[in-house]
Full PDB file with SEQRES, HELIX, SHEET, SSBOND, CRYST1, ORIGX, SCALE, CONECT and MASTER records, all heavy atoms in Angstrom:
SEQRES   1 A   34  PRO VAL LEU PHE THR LEU TYR SER GLN PRO LEU SER ASP          
SEQRES   2 A   34  VAL ILE SER ASP HIS ASP CYS ASP HIS HIS LYS TYR ALA          
SEQRES   3 A   34  ASP ASN THR GLU LEU SER LYS GLY                              
HELIX    1 AA1 VAL A    2  TYR A    7  1                                   6    
HELIX    2 AA2 PRO A   10  ASP A   17  1                                   8    
SHEET    1 AA1 2 ASP A  21  TYR A  25  0                                        
SHEET    2 AA1 2 ASN A  28  SER A  32 -1                                        
CRYST1    1.000    1.000    1.000  90.00  90.00  90.00 P 1           1          
ORIGX1      1.000000  0.000000  0.000000        0.00000                         
ORIGX2      0.000000  1.000000  0.000000        0.00000                         
ORIGX3      0.000000  0.000000  1.000000        0.00000                         
SCALE1      1.000000  0.000000  0.000000        0.00000                         
SCALE2      0.000000  1.000000  0.000000        0.00000                         
SCALE3      0.000000  0.000000  1.000000        0.00000                         
ATOM      1  N   PRO A   1      51.307 145.972 120.721  1.00  0.00           N  
ATOM      2  CA  PRO A   1      52.709 146.413 120.778  1.00  0.00           C  
ATOM      3  C   PRO A   1      52.920 147.656 121.633  1.00  0.00           C  
ATOM      4  O   PRO A   1      53.909 147.752 122.359  1.00  0.00           O  
ATOM      5  CB  PRO A   1      53.041 146.684 119.301  1.00  0.00           C  
ATOM      6  CG  PRO A   1      52.117 145.806 118.541  1.00  0.00           C  
ATOM      7  CD  PRO A   1      50.845 145.814 119.325  1.00  0.00           C  
ATOM      8  N   VAL A   2      52.006 148.621 121.551  1.00  0.00           N  
ATOM      9  CA  VAL A   2      52.142 149.847 122.338  1.00  0.00           C  
ATOM     10  C   VAL A   2      51.957 149.549 123.822  1.00  0.00           C  
ATOM     11  O   VAL A   2      52.686 150.076 124.669  1.00  0.00           O  
ATOM     12  CB  VAL A   2      51.121 150.907 121.872  1.00  0.00           C  
ATOM     13  CG1 VAL A   2      51.188 152.143 122.765  1.00  0.00           C  
ATOM     14  CG2 VAL A   2      51.388 151.288 120.419  1.00  0.00           C  
ATOM     15  N   LEU A   3      51.017 148.682 124.144  1.00  0.00           N  
ATOM     16  CA  LEU A   3      50.814 148.312 125.544  1.00  0.00           C  
ATOM     17  C   LEU A   3      52.057 147.625 126.104  1.00  0.00           C  
ATOM     18  O   LEU A   3      52.406 147.811 127.272  1.00  0.00           O  
ATOM     19  CB  LEU A   3      49.594 147.396 125.685  1.00  0.00           C  
ATOM     20  CG  LEU A   3      48.233 148.039 125.394  1.00  0.00           C  
ATOM     21  CD1 LEU A   3      47.119 147.011 125.522  1.00  0.00           C  
ATOM     22  CD2 LEU A   3      47.980 149.221 126.332  1.00  0.00           C  
ATOM     23  N   PHE A   4      52.732 146.830 125.279  1.00  0.00           N  
ATOM     24  CA  PHE A   4      53.951 146.175 125.760  1.00  0.00           C  
ATOM     25  C   PHE A   4      55.040 147.198 126.063  1.00  0.00           C  
ATOM     26  O   PHE A   4      55.751 147.065 127.074  1.00  0.00           O  
ATOM     27  CB  PHE A   4      54.468 145.169 124.727  1.00  0.00           C  
ATOM     28  CG  PHE A   4      55.789 144.569 125.122  1.00  0.00           C  
ATOM     29  CD1 PHE A   4      55.846 143.522 126.027  1.00  0.00           C  
ATOM     30  CD2 PHE A   4      56.978 145.069 124.609  1.00  0.00           C  
ATOM     31  CE1 PHE A   4      57.065 142.981 126.419  1.00  0.00           C  
ATOM     32  CE2 PHE A   4      58.193 144.543 124.994  1.00  0.00           C  
ATOM     33  CZ  PHE A   4      58.247 143.492 125.897  1.00  0.00           C  
ATOM     34  N   THR A   5      55.194 148.219 125.231  1.00  0.00           N  
ATOM     35  CA  THR A   5      56.233 149.223 125.490  1.00  0.00           C  
ATOM     36  C   THR A   5      55.949 149.977 126.785  1.00  0.00           C  
ATOM     37  O   THR A   5      56.873 150.334 127.521  1.00  0.00           O  
ATOM     38  CB  THR A   5      56.345 150.216 124.328  1.00  0.00           C  
ATOM     39  OG1 THR A   5      55.106 150.921 124.157  1.00  0.00           O  
ATOM     40  CG2 THR A   5      56.694 149.506 123.019  1.00  0.00           C  
ATOM     41  N   LEU A   6      54.670 150.220 127.083  1.00  0.00           N  
ATOM     42  CA  LEU A   6      54.318 150.881 128.340  1.00  0.00           C  
ATOM     43  C   LEU A   6      54.569 149.946 129.523  1.00  0.00           C  
ATOM     44  O   LEU A   6      55.025 150.376 130.589  1.00  0.00           O  
ATOM     45  CB  LEU A   6      52.850 151.315 128.317  1.00  0.00           C  
ATOM     46  CG  LEU A   6      52.443 152.283 127.204  1.00  0.00           C  
ATOM     47  CD1 LEU A   6      50.964 152.636 127.323  1.00  0.00           C  
ATOM     48  CD2 LEU A   6      53.285 153.547 127.222  1.00  0.00           C  
ATOM     49  N   TYR A   7      54.278 148.682 129.329  1.00  0.00           N  
ATOM     50  CA  TYR A   7      54.472 147.681 130.375  1.00  0.00           C  
ATOM     51  C   TYR A   7      55.949 147.532 130.743  1.00  0.00           C  
ATOM     52  O   TYR A   7      56.294 147.338 131.920  1.00  0.00           O  
ATOM     53  CB  TYR A   7      53.914 146.350 129.876  1.00  0.00           C  
ATOM     54  CG  TYR A   7      54.080 145.179 130.809  1.00  0.00           C  
ATOM     55  CD1 TYR A   7      53.232 144.994 131.896  1.00  0.00           C  
ATOM     56  CD2 TYR A   7      55.075 144.228 130.579  1.00  0.00           C  
ATOM     57  CE1 TYR A   7      53.368 143.903 132.738  1.00  0.00           C  
ATOM     58  CE2 TYR A   7      55.221 143.133 131.414  1.00  0.00           C  
ATOM     59  CZ  TYR A   7      54.355 142.968 132.490  1.00  0.00           C  
ATOM     60  OH  TYR A   7      54.498 141.877 133.321  1.00  0.00           O  
ATOM     61  N   SER A   8      56.823 147.626 129.745  1.00  0.00           N  
ATOM     62  CA  SER A   8      58.250 147.385 129.968  1.00  0.00           C  
ATOM     63  C   SER A   8      59.023 148.647 130.339  1.00  0.00           C  
ATOM     64  O   SER A   8      60.251 148.604 130.451  1.00  0.00           O  
ATOM     65  CB  SER A   8      58.875 146.764 128.711  1.00  0.00           C  
ATOM     66  OG  SER A   8      58.765 147.643 127.602  1.00  0.00           O  
ATOM     67  N   GLN A   9      58.341 149.764 130.541  1.00  0.00           N  
ATOM     68  CA  GLN A   9      59.008 151.031 130.852  1.00  0.00           C  
ATOM     69  C   GLN A   9      59.923 150.958 132.074  1.00  0.00           C  
ATOM     70  O   GLN A   9      61.019 151.535 132.072  1.00  0.00           O  
ATOM     71  CB  GLN A   9      57.958 152.123 131.033  1.00  0.00           C  
ATOM     72  CG  GLN A   9      58.522 153.535 131.175  1.00  0.00           C  
ATOM     73  CD  GLN A   9      58.919 153.863 132.603  1.00  0.00           C  
ATOM     74  OE1 GLN A   9      58.386 153.269 133.537  1.00  0.00           O  
ATOM     75  NE2 GLN A   9      59.858 154.793 132.768  1.00  0.00           N  
ATOM     76  N   PRO A  10      59.562 150.248 133.172  1.00  0.00           N  
ATOM     77  CA  PRO A  10      60.446 150.202 134.335  1.00  0.00           C  
ATOM     78  C   PRO A  10      61.839 149.646 134.041  1.00  0.00           C  
ATOM     79  O   PRO A  10      62.777 149.904 134.803  1.00  0.00           O  
ATOM     80  CB  PRO A  10      59.682 149.289 135.310  1.00  0.00           C  
ATOM     81  CG  PRO A  10      58.247 149.494 134.952  1.00  0.00           C  
ATOM     82  CD  PRO A  10      58.260 149.617 133.458  1.00  0.00           C  
ATOM     83  N   LEU A  11      61.968 148.880 132.961  1.00  0.00           N  
ATOM     84  CA  LEU A  11      63.294 148.374 132.586  1.00  0.00           C  
ATOM     85  C   LEU A  11      64.267 149.527 132.361  1.00  0.00           C  
ATOM     86  O   LEU A  11      65.447 149.447 132.733  1.00  0.00           O  
ATOM     87  CB  LEU A  11      63.193 147.515 131.324  1.00  0.00           C  
ATOM     88  CG  LEU A  11      64.509 146.952 130.763  1.00  0.00           C  
ATOM     89  CD1 LEU A  11      65.194 146.057 131.786  1.00  0.00           C  
ATOM     90  CD2 LEU A  11      64.240 146.181 129.477  1.00  0.00           C  
ATOM     91  N   SER A  12      63.778 150.619 131.778  1.00  0.00           N  
ATOM     92  CA  SER A  12      64.626 151.797 131.551  1.00  0.00           C  
ATOM     93  C   SER A  12      65.086 152.407 132.864  1.00  0.00           C  
ATOM     94  O   SER A  12      66.230 152.863 132.979  1.00  0.00           O  
ATOM     95  CB  SER A  12      63.859 152.845 130.729  1.00  0.00           C  
ATOM     96  OG  SER A  12      63.558 152.361 129.448  1.00  0.00           O  
ATOM     97  N   ASP A  13      64.198 152.411 133.861  1.00  0.00           N  
ATOM     98  CA  ASP A  13      64.569 152.958 135.171  1.00  0.00           C  
ATOM     99  C   ASP A  13      65.678 152.127 135.823  1.00  0.00           C  
ATOM    100  O   ASP A  13      66.612 152.675 136.411  1.00  0.00           O  
ATOM    101  CB  ASP A  13      63.345 153.002 136.088  1.00  0.00           C  
ATOM    102  CG  ASP A  13      62.253 153.918 135.562  1.00  0.00           C  
ATOM    103  OD1 ASP A  13      62.597 154.861 134.812  1.00  0.00           O  
ATOM    104  OD2 ASP A  13      61.076 153.689 135.880  1.00  0.00           O  
ATOM    105  N   VAL A  14      65.571 150.805 135.696  1.00  0.00           N  
ATOM    106  CA  VAL A  14      66.584 149.923 136.271  1.00  0.00           C  
ATOM    107  C   VAL A  14      67.933 150.148 135.599  1.00  0.00           C  
ATOM    108  O   VAL A  14      68.971 150.241 136.252  1.00  0.00           O  
ATOM    109  CB  VAL A  14      66.156 148.447 136.134  1.00  0.00           C  
ATOM    110  CG1 VAL A  14      67.282 147.517 136.588  1.00  0.00           C  
ATOM    111  CG2 VAL A  14      64.889 148.176 136.929  1.00  0.00           C  
ATOM    112  N   ILE A  15      67.911 150.256 134.280  1.00  0.00           N  
ATOM    113  CA  ILE A  15      69.155 150.464 133.531  1.00  0.00           C  
ATOM    114  C   ILE A  15      69.784 151.797 133.900  1.00  0.00           C  
ATOM    115  O   ILE A  15      71.001 151.906 134.115  1.00  0.00           O  
ATOM    116  CB  ILE A  15      68.884 150.394 132.013  1.00  0.00           C  
ATOM    117  CG1 ILE A  15      68.414 148.994 131.625  1.00  0.00           C  
ATOM    118  CG2 ILE A  15      70.135 150.772 131.224  1.00  0.00           C  
ATOM    119  CD1 ILE A  15      67.933 148.877 130.202  1.00  0.00           C  
ATOM    120  N   SER A  16      68.972 152.840 133.981  1.00  0.00           N  
ATOM    121  CA  SER A  16      69.483 154.175 134.316  1.00  0.00           C  
ATOM    122  C   SER A  16      70.085 154.200 135.718  1.00  0.00           C  
ATOM    123  O   SER A  16      71.079 154.893 135.964  1.00  0.00           O  
ATOM    124  CB  SER A  16      68.355 155.206 134.212  1.00  0.00           C  
ATOM    125  OG  SER A  16      67.856 155.284 132.897  1.00  0.00           O  
ATOM    126  N   ASP A  17      69.501 153.439 136.634  1.00  0.00           N  
ATOM    127  CA  ASP A  17      70.034 153.387 137.996  1.00  0.00           C  
ATOM    128  C   ASP A  17      71.439 152.800 138.045  1.00  0.00           C  
ATOM    129  O   ASP A  17      72.187 153.042 139.001  1.00  0.00           O  
ATOM    130  CB  ASP A  17      69.104 152.562 138.897  1.00  0.00           C  
ATOM    131  CG  ASP A  17      67.802 153.298 139.203  1.00  0.00           C  
ATOM    132  OD1 ASP A  17      67.769 154.524 139.012  1.00  0.00           O  
ATOM    133  OD2 ASP A  17      66.834 152.631 139.610  1.00  0.00           O  
ATOM    134  N   HIS A  18      71.804 152.036 137.009  1.00  0.00           N  
ATOM    135  CA  HIS A  18      73.135 151.429 136.957  1.00  0.00           C  
ATOM    136  C   HIS A  18      74.067 152.198 136.017  1.00  0.00           C  
ATOM    137  O   HIS A  18      75.099 151.680 135.587  1.00  0.00           O  
ATOM    138  CB  HIS A  18      73.023 149.968 136.513  1.00  0.00           C  
ATOM    139  CG  HIS A  18      72.432 149.071 137.561  1.00  0.00           C  
ATOM    140  ND1 HIS A  18      71.075 149.027 137.807  1.00  0.00           N  
ATOM    141  CD2 HIS A  18      73.007 148.221 138.455  1.00  0.00           C  
ATOM    142  CE1 HIS A  18      70.835 148.157 138.794  1.00  0.00           C  
ATOM    143  NE2 HIS A  18      71.995 147.662 139.196  1.00  0.00           N  
ATOM    144  N   ASP A  19      73.671 153.434 135.712  1.00  0.00           N  
ATOM    145  CA  ASP A  19      74.544 154.343 134.952  1.00  0.00           C  
ATOM    146  C   ASP A  19      74.967 153.767 133.608  1.00  0.00           C  
ATOM    147  O   ASP A  19      76.149 153.818 133.223  1.00  0.00           O  
ATOM    148  CB  ASP A  19      75.781 154.703 135.784  1.00  0.00           C  
ATOM    149  CG  ASP A  19      76.518 155.922 135.218  1.00  0.00           C  
ATOM    150  OD1 ASP A  19      75.851 156.740 134.565  1.00  0.00           O  
ATOM    151  OD2 ASP A  19      77.739 156.027 135.429  1.00  0.00           O  
ATOM    152  N   CYS A  20      74.012 153.208 132.884  1.00  0.00           N  
ATOM    153  CA  CYS A  20      74.275 152.687 131.531  1.00  0.00           C  
ATOM    154  C   CYS A  20      73.425 153.457 130.519  1.00  0.00           C  
ATOM    155  O   CYS A  20      72.285 153.829 130.816  1.00  0.00           O  
ATOM    156  CB  CYS A  20      73.930 151.202 131.441  1.00  0.00           C  
ATOM    157  SG  CYS A  20      75.137 150.099 132.164  1.00  0.00           S  
ATOM    158  N   ASP A  21      73.998 153.686 129.358  1.00  0.00           N  
ATOM    159  CA  ASP A  21      73.205 154.222 128.257  1.00  0.00           C  
ATOM    160  C   ASP A  21      72.417 153.071 127.638  1.00  0.00           C  
ATOM    161  O   ASP A  21      72.859 151.912 127.643  1.00  0.00           O  
ATOM    162  CB  ASP A  21      74.113 154.856 127.204  1.00  0.00           C  
ATOM    163  CG  ASP A  21      74.838 156.086 127.734  1.00  0.00           C  
ATOM    164  OD1 ASP A  21      74.243 156.801 128.549  1.00  0.00           O  
ATOM    165  OD2 ASP A  21      75.994 156.307 127.330  1.00  0.00           O  
ATOM    166  N   HIS A  22      71.262 153.380 127.093  1.00  0.00           N  
ATOM    167  CA  HIS A  22      70.486 152.311 126.471  1.00  0.00           C  
ATOM    168  C   HIS A  22      69.525 152.882 125.434  1.00  0.00           C  
ATOM    169  O   HIS A  22      69.243 154.086 125.413  1.00  0.00           O  
ATOM    170  CB  HIS A  22      69.685 151.549 127.534  1.00  0.00           C  
ATOM    171  CG  HIS A  22      68.531 152.332 128.091  1.00  0.00           C  
ATOM    172  ND1 HIS A  22      68.685 153.355 129.010  1.00  0.00           N  
ATOM    173  CD2 HIS A  22      67.189 152.240 127.855  1.00  0.00           C  
ATOM    174  CE1 HIS A  22      67.512 153.850 129.325  1.00  0.00           C  
ATOM    175  NE2 HIS A  22      66.582 153.200 128.636  1.00  0.00           N  
ATOM    176  N   HIS A  23      69.052 152.003 124.596  1.00  0.00           N  
ATOM    177  CA  HIS A  23      68.000 152.361 123.651  1.00  0.00           C  
ATOM    178  C   HIS A  23      67.154 151.113 123.415  1.00  0.00           C  
ATOM    179  O   HIS A  23      67.680 150.004 123.307  1.00  0.00           O  
ATOM    180  CB  HIS A  23      68.566 152.863 122.319  1.00  0.00           C  
ATOM    181  CG  HIS A  23      67.572 153.684 121.561  1.00  0.00           C  
ATOM    182  ND1 HIS A  23      67.501 155.065 121.656  1.00  0.00           N  
ATOM    183  CD2 HIS A  23      66.566 153.326 120.721  1.00  0.00           C  
ATOM    184  CE1 HIS A  23      66.524 155.516 120.896  1.00  0.00           C  
ATOM    185  NE2 HIS A  23      65.933 154.476 120.321  1.00  0.00           N  
ATOM    186  N   LYS A  24      65.832 151.313 123.367  1.00  0.00           N  
ATOM    187  CA  LYS A  24      64.907 150.188 123.242  1.00  0.00           C  
ATOM    188  C   LYS A  24      64.150 150.263 121.921  1.00  0.00           C  
ATOM    189  O   LYS A  24      63.799 151.337 121.447  1.00  0.00           O  
ATOM    190  CB  LYS A  24      63.918 150.186 124.416  1.00  0.00           C  
ATOM    191  CG  LYS A  24      64.571 149.959 125.766  1.00  0.00           C  
ATOM    192  CD  LYS A  24      63.673 150.391 126.910  1.00  0.00           C  
ATOM    193  CE  LYS A  24      62.412 149.583 126.988  1.00  0.00           C  
ATOM    194  NZ  LYS A  24      61.557 150.006 128.134  1.00  0.00           N  
ATOM    195  N   TYR A  25      63.915 149.087 121.367  1.00  0.00           N  
ATOM    196  CA  TYR A  25      63.038 148.981 120.198  1.00  0.00           C  
ATOM    197  C   TYR A  25      62.172 147.747 120.406  1.00  0.00           C  
ATOM    198  O   TYR A  25      62.653 146.612 120.284  1.00  0.00           O  
ATOM    199  CB  TYR A  25      63.825 148.863 118.894  1.00  0.00           C  
ATOM    200  CG  TYR A  25      62.932 148.971 117.676  1.00  0.00           C  
ATOM    201  CD1 TYR A  25      62.685 150.210 117.084  1.00  0.00           C  
ATOM    202  CD2 TYR A  25      62.287 147.857 117.157  1.00  0.00           C  
ATOM    203  CE1 TYR A  25      61.839 150.317 115.994  1.00  0.00           C  
ATOM    204  CE2 TYR A  25      61.438 147.955 116.080  1.00  0.00           C  
ATOM    205  CZ  TYR A  25      61.217 149.188 115.505  1.00  0.00           C  
ATOM    206  OH  TYR A  25      60.365 149.295 114.434  1.00  0.00           O  
ATOM    207  N   ALA A  26      60.908 147.984 120.751  1.00  0.00           N  
ATOM    208  CA  ALA A  26      59.985 146.890 121.074  1.00  0.00           C  
ATOM    209  C   ALA A  26      60.576 146.049 122.201  1.00  0.00           C  
ATOM    210  O   ALA A  26      60.852 146.567 123.282  1.00  0.00           O  
ATOM    211  CB  ALA A  26      59.686 146.064 119.826  1.00  0.00           C  
ATOM    212  N   ASP A  27      60.816 144.743 121.955  1.00  0.00           N  
ATOM    213  CA  ASP A  27      61.353 143.880 123.006  1.00  0.00           C  
ATOM    214  C   ASP A  27      62.873 143.727 122.913  1.00  0.00           C  
ATOM    215  O   ASP A  27      63.450 142.858 123.571  1.00  0.00           O  
ATOM    216  CB  ASP A  27      60.692 142.504 122.953  1.00  0.00           C  
ATOM    217  CG  ASP A  27      60.859 141.832 121.594  1.00  0.00           C  
ATOM    218  OD1 ASP A  27      61.221 142.537 120.631  1.00  0.00           O  
ATOM    219  OD2 ASP A  27      60.631 140.614 121.503  1.00  0.00           O  
ATOM    220  N   ASN A  28      63.516 144.570 122.121  1.00  0.00           N  
ATOM    221  CA  ASN A  28      64.976 144.560 122.001  1.00  0.00           C  
ATOM    222  C   ASN A  28      65.556 145.779 122.734  1.00  0.00           C  
ATOM    223  O   ASN A  28      65.064 146.893 122.575  1.00  0.00           O  
ATOM    224  CB  ASN A  28      65.413 144.594 120.533  1.00  0.00           C  
ATOM    225  CG  ASN A  28      64.938 143.373 119.775  1.00  0.00           C  
ATOM    226  OD1 ASN A  28      65.494 142.291 119.929  1.00  0.00           O  
ATOM    227  ND2 ASN A  28      63.894 143.533 118.972  1.00  0.00           N  
ATOM    228  N   THR A  29      66.588 145.536 123.526  1.00  0.00           N  
ATOM    229  CA  THR A  29      67.214 146.602 124.292  1.00  0.00           C  
ATOM    230  C   THR A  29      68.723 146.574 124.081  1.00  0.00           C  
ATOM    231  O   THR A  29      69.346 145.511 124.145  1.00  0.00           O  
ATOM    232  CB  THR A  29      66.918 146.462 125.793  1.00  0.00           C  
ATOM    233  OG1 THR A  29      65.499 146.425 125.995  1.00  0.00           O  
ATOM    234  CG2 THR A  29      67.507 147.640 126.577  1.00  0.00           C  
ATOM    235  N   GLU A  30      69.296 147.742 123.825  1.00  0.00           N  
ATOM    236  CA  GLU A  30      70.751 147.879 123.651  1.00  0.00           C  
ATOM    237  C   GLU A  30      71.315 148.592 124.840  1.00  0.00           C  
ATOM    238  O   GLU A  30      70.848 149.677 125.225  1.00  0.00           O  
ATOM    239  CB  GLU A  30      71.068 148.653 122.373  1.00  0.00           C  
ATOM    240  CG  GLU A  30      72.530 148.956 122.139  1.00  0.00           C  
ATOM    241  CD  GLU A  30      72.960 150.291 122.786  1.00  0.00           C  
ATOM    242  OE1 GLU A  30      72.067 151.117 123.039  1.00  0.00           O  
ATOM    243  OE2 GLU A  30      74.164 150.458 123.000  1.00  0.00           O  
ATOM    244  N   LEU A  31      72.286 147.983 125.507  1.00  0.00           N  
ATOM    245  CA  LEU A  31      72.989 148.601 126.642  1.00  0.00           C  
ATOM    246  C   LEU A  31      74.395 148.939 126.207  1.00  0.00           C  
ATOM    247  O   LEU A  31      75.052 148.160 125.531  1.00  0.00           O  
ATOM    248  CB  LEU A  31      73.059 147.634 127.822  1.00  0.00           C  
ATOM    249  CG  LEU A  31      71.760 146.987 128.321  1.00  0.00           C  
ATOM    250  CD1 LEU A  31      72.066 146.043 129.463  1.00  0.00           C  
ATOM    251  CD2 LEU A  31      70.782 148.045 128.756  1.00  0.00           C  
ATOM    252  N   SER A  32      74.875 150.116 126.589  1.00  0.00           N  
ATOM    253  CA  SER A  32      76.243 150.496 126.235  1.00  0.00           C  
ATOM    254  C   SER A  32      76.873 151.254 127.397  1.00  0.00           C  
ATOM    255  O   SER A  32      76.197 151.969 128.137  1.00  0.00           O  
ATOM    256  CB  SER A  32      76.262 151.364 124.976  1.00  0.00           C  
ATOM    257  OG  SER A  32      75.515 152.557 125.165  1.00  0.00           O  
ATOM    258  N   LYS A  33      78.161 151.060 127.535  1.00  0.00           N  
ATOM    259  CA  LYS A  33      78.925 151.710 128.588  1.00  0.00           C  
ATOM    260  C   LYS A  33      80.261 152.116 128.013  1.00  0.00           C  
ATOM    261  O   LYS A  33      81.017 151.300 127.504  1.00  0.00           O  
ATOM    262  CB  LYS A  33      79.115 150.752 129.766  1.00  0.00           C  
ATOM    263  CG  LYS A  33      79.866 151.348 130.954  1.00  0.00           C  
ATOM    264  CD  LYS A  33      79.008 152.347 131.712  1.00  0.00           C  
ATOM    265  CE  LYS A  33      79.697 152.802 132.983  1.00  0.00           C  
ATOM    266  NZ  LYS A  33      78.917 153.791 133.734  1.00  0.00           N  
ATOM    267  N   GLY A  34      80.555 153.431 128.079  1.00  0.00           N  
ATOM    268  CA  GLY A  34      81.811 153.920 127.533  1.00  0.00           C  
ATOM    269  C   GLY A  34      82.833 154.218 128.605  1.00  0.00           C  
ATOM    270  O   GLY A  34      82.490 154.488 129.735  1.00  0.00           O  
TER     271      GLY A  34                                                      
MASTER        0    0    0    2    2    0    0    6  270    1    0    3          
END                                                                             
């Protein structure tokens, strides 16, 4: 599980580049835009 979270880290970079807030829990990701 820890290796997967490290593997999926670039997903956060992609989301941040599109100016979205997000939070991740394992393989679940929440995107929000206000």
